[in-house]
Amino acid sequence: FVSGGDLVNGHASYAYGFGWLDLGIKAGLIGIECVPSAPESAFSPDLTVFEFEEDMPAELFDKLFEKTNRYQRMLTAALSSVKTAPDIESPLHKFAESIAEITGDYLDSGREHLAAERYVNALAHFSYGYGLLDGAVRCGHFIITGNRDLFTV
């Protein structure tokens, strides 16, 4: 996207992909030793530091505004369209609950950024949360109860 000049989709895709990558690491599917010299904290973004400069070119504002608001709606719908899949006694149930909680935290922080008109950061938080949840659905940690079209299954 970026090489084609589409900075909005490039930004959203980066954060979304990072959500998938982080899910793979959190789930133990990807070992951090696969990424030489990367500190473990690099793969568990803290809400307070997972932020970007608000420097999107002015001519992309309409696209940024539309996509940010759409991703908020999509993540809200996606989060309410799943339930944990593993049995309540399984350790994976607790893991799925933690992914749902983290996703909810990113939805909330994205809303805070949106309310403050920090659209670049709002989009990043919505996209990261969406990627994290989508990856968890794909890995079988959640059952889709509605809106299947929101997921990559």
Protein backbone atom coordinates (compact mmCIF):
# COMPACT_ATOMS: atom_id res chain seq x y z
CA PHE A 1 0.00 0.00 0.00
CA VAL A 2 2.70 2.48 1.01
CA SER A 3 4.73 2.04 -2.17
CA GLY A 4 1.55 2.81 -4.11
CA GLY A 5 0.97 5.99 -2.09
CA ASP A 6 -1.89 4.59 0.01
CA LEU A 7 -0.60 5.59 3.43
CA VAL A 8 -3.95 5.09 5.17
CA ASN A 9 -4.28 1.44 4.16
CA GLY A 10 -0.56 0.94 4.72
CA HIS A 11 -0.90 2.21 8.28
CA ALA A 12 -4.02 0.12 8.98
CA SER A 13 -2.42 -3.00 7.47
CA TYR A 14 0.73 -2.56 9.54
CA ALA A 15 -1.24 -2.44 12.80
CA TYR A 16 -3.59 -5.26 11.73
CA GLY A 17 -0.65 -7.49 10.77
CA PHE A 18 1.05 -6.66 14.04
CA GLY A 19 -2.08 -7.88 15.84
CA TRP A 20 -1.84 -11.22 14.02
CA LEU A 21 1.89 -11.46 14.74
CA ASP A 22 1.39 -10.64 18.41
CA LEU A 23 -1.38 -13.24 18.66
CA GLY A 24 0.97 -15.85 17.20
CA ILE A 25 3.59 -14.98 19.81
CA LYS A 26 1.12 -14.85 22.71
CA ALA A 27 -0.34 -18.22 21.64
CA GLY A 28 3.12 -19.79 21.43
CA LEU A 29 2.85 -20.40 17.70
CA ILE A 30 5.75 -18.06 16.93
CA GLY A 31 8.85 -18.02 19.10
CA ILE A 32 10.52 -14.71 19.74
CA GLU A 33 13.87 -16.35 19.16
CA CYS A 34 12.82 -16.34 15.48
CA VAL A 35 13.35 -12.57 15.53
CA PRO A 36 17.01 -12.00 16.43
CA SER A 37 17.82 -9.14 18.79
CA ALA A 38 14.17 -8.13 19.27
CA PRO A 39 13.21 -7.52 22.89
CA GLU A 40 10.19 -9.46 24.12
CA SER A 41 8.39 -6.20 24.90
CA ALA A 42 8.42 -5.39 21.18
CA PHE A 43 5.68 -7.98 20.71
CA SER A 44 3.33 -6.92 23.48
CA PRO A 45 2.50 -3.31 22.74
CA ASP A 46 1.56 -1.28 25.77
CA LEU A 47 -1.45 0.94 25.17
CA THR A 48 0.52 3.91 26.46
CA VAL A 49 3.38 3.49 23.99
CA PHE A 50 1.66 2.01 20.94
CA GLU A 51 1.25 5.44 19.39
CA PHE A 52 2.20 7.19 16.19
CA GLU A 53 2.80 10.74 15.07
CA GLU A 54 -0.35 12.33 13.72
CA ASP A 55 1.33 13.30 10.47
CA MET A 56 -0.90 11.87 7.74
CA PRO A 57 -0.95 14.20 4.70
CA ALA A 58 -3.96 16.54 4.69
CA GLU A 59 -5.19 15.26 1.33
CA LEU A 60 -5.69 11.81 2.91
CA PHE A 61 -7.81 13.08 5.80
CA ASP A 62 -11.18 12.05 4.31
CA LYS A 63 -9.94 8.52 3.69
CA LEU A 64 -8.37 8.35 7.16
CA PHE A 65 -11.56 9.64 8.79
CA GLU A 66 -13.77 7.16 6.90
CA LYS A 67 -11.53 4.15 7.51
CA THR A 68 -11.03 4.94 11.20
CA ASN A 69 -14.76 5.19 11.82
CA ARG A 70 -15.44 2.06 9.75
CA TYR A 71 -12.82 0.08 11.69
CA GLN A 72 -14.36 1.20 14.96
CA ARG A 73 -17.75 -0.13 13.79
CA MET A 74 -16.19 -3.35 12.46
CA LEU A 75 -14.20 -4.07 15.63
CA THR A 76 -17.23 -3.34 17.80
CA ALA A 77 -19.34 -5.74 15.71
CA ALA A 78 -16.58 -8.37 15.59
CA LEU A 79 -16.08 -8.36 19.34
CA SER A 80 -19.79 -8.85 19.91
CA SER A 81 -19.90 -11.62 17.28
CA VAL A 82 -17.67 -14.15 19.03
CA LYS A 83 -17.58 -16.26 22.16
CA THR A 84 -14.71 -18.20 23.65
CA ALA A 85 -14.36 -21.67 22.15
CA PRO A 86 -12.28 -23.63 24.67
CA ASP A 87 -13.98 -25.40 27.56
CA ILE A 88 -14.19 -23.26 30.68
CA GLU A 89 -11.87 -25.69 32.51
CA SER A 90 -9.23 -25.50 29.80
CA PRO A 91 -6.24 -23.18 30.19
CA LEU A 92 -7.03 -22.03 26.65
CA HIS A 93 -10.33 -20.60 27.92
CA LYS A 94 -8.41 -18.18 30.14
CA PHE A 95 -6.16 -17.31 27.18
CA ALA A 96 -9.17 -16.59 24.95
CA GLU A 97 -10.70 -14.42 27.68
CA SER A 98 -7.45 -12.46 27.92
CA ILE A 99 -7.45 -11.90 24.14
CA ALA A 100 -11.05 -10.65 24.33
CA GLU A 101 -10.06 -8.31 27.17
CA ILE A 102 -7.03 -6.97 25.29
CA THR A 103 -9.17 -6.48 22.18
CA GLY A 104 -11.70 -4.57 24.27
CA ASP A 105 -8.90 -2.43 25.70
CA TYR A 106 -7.74 -1.54 22.17
CA LEU A 107 -11.31 -0.74 21.16
CA ASP A 108 -11.62 1.57 24.17
CA SER A 109 -8.25 3.24 23.58
CA GLY A 110 -9.10 3.67 19.90
CA ARG A 111 -12.33 5.38 20.92
CA GLU A 112 -10.39 7.71 23.22
CA HIS A 113 -8.04 8.63 20.37
CA LEU A 114 -11.02 9.11 18.06
CA ALA A 115 -12.76 11.40 20.54
CA ALA A 116 -9.55 13.46 20.74
CA GLU A 117 -9.38 13.55 16.91
CA ARG A 118 -6.13 11.57 16.84
CA TYR A 119 -7.24 9.54 13.85
CA VAL A 120 -3.87 7.95 13.01
CA ASN A 121 -3.66 6.46 16.50
CA ALA A 122 -7.34 5.55 16.62
CA LEU A 123 -6.97 3.62 13.37
CA ALA A 124 -3.86 1.85 14.67
CA HIS A 125 -5.60 0.76 17.87
CA PHE A 126 -8.75 -0.42 16.06
CA SER A 127 -6.67 -2.24 13.43
CA TYR A 128 -4.37 -3.91 15.96
CA GLY A 129 -7.32 -5.10 18.06
CA TYR A 130 -9.08 -6.34 14.95
CA GLY A 131 -6.01 -8.27 13.79
CA LEU A 132 -5.52 -9.77 17.25
CA LEU A 133 -9.16 -10.93 17.42
CA ASP A 134 -9.22 -12.14 13.81
CA GLY A 135 -6.08 -14.19 14.38
CA ALA A 136 -7.56 -15.69 17.55
CA VAL A 137 -10.72 -16.66 15.67
CA ARG A 138 -8.63 -18.24 12.93
CA CYS A 139 -6.66 -20.21 15.55
CA GLY A 140 -9.87 -21.60 17.07
CA HIS A 141 -9.88 -19.62 20.31
CA PHE A 142 -13.30 -18.15 19.48
CA ILE A 143 -16.51 -19.33 17.86
CA ILE A 144 -18.22 -16.91 15.50
CA THR A 145 -21.79 -16.31 16.64
CA GLY A 146 -22.69 -13.72 14.01
CA ASN A 147 -21.27 -11.51 11.25
CA ARG A 148 -19.02 -14.20 9.73
CA ASP A 149 -18.12 -11.75 6.98
CA LEU A 150 -16.01 -9.79 9.50
CA PHE A 151 -13.50 -12.63 9.85
CA THR A 152 -10.95 -14.34 7.61
CA VAL A 153 -12.26 -17.87 8.15
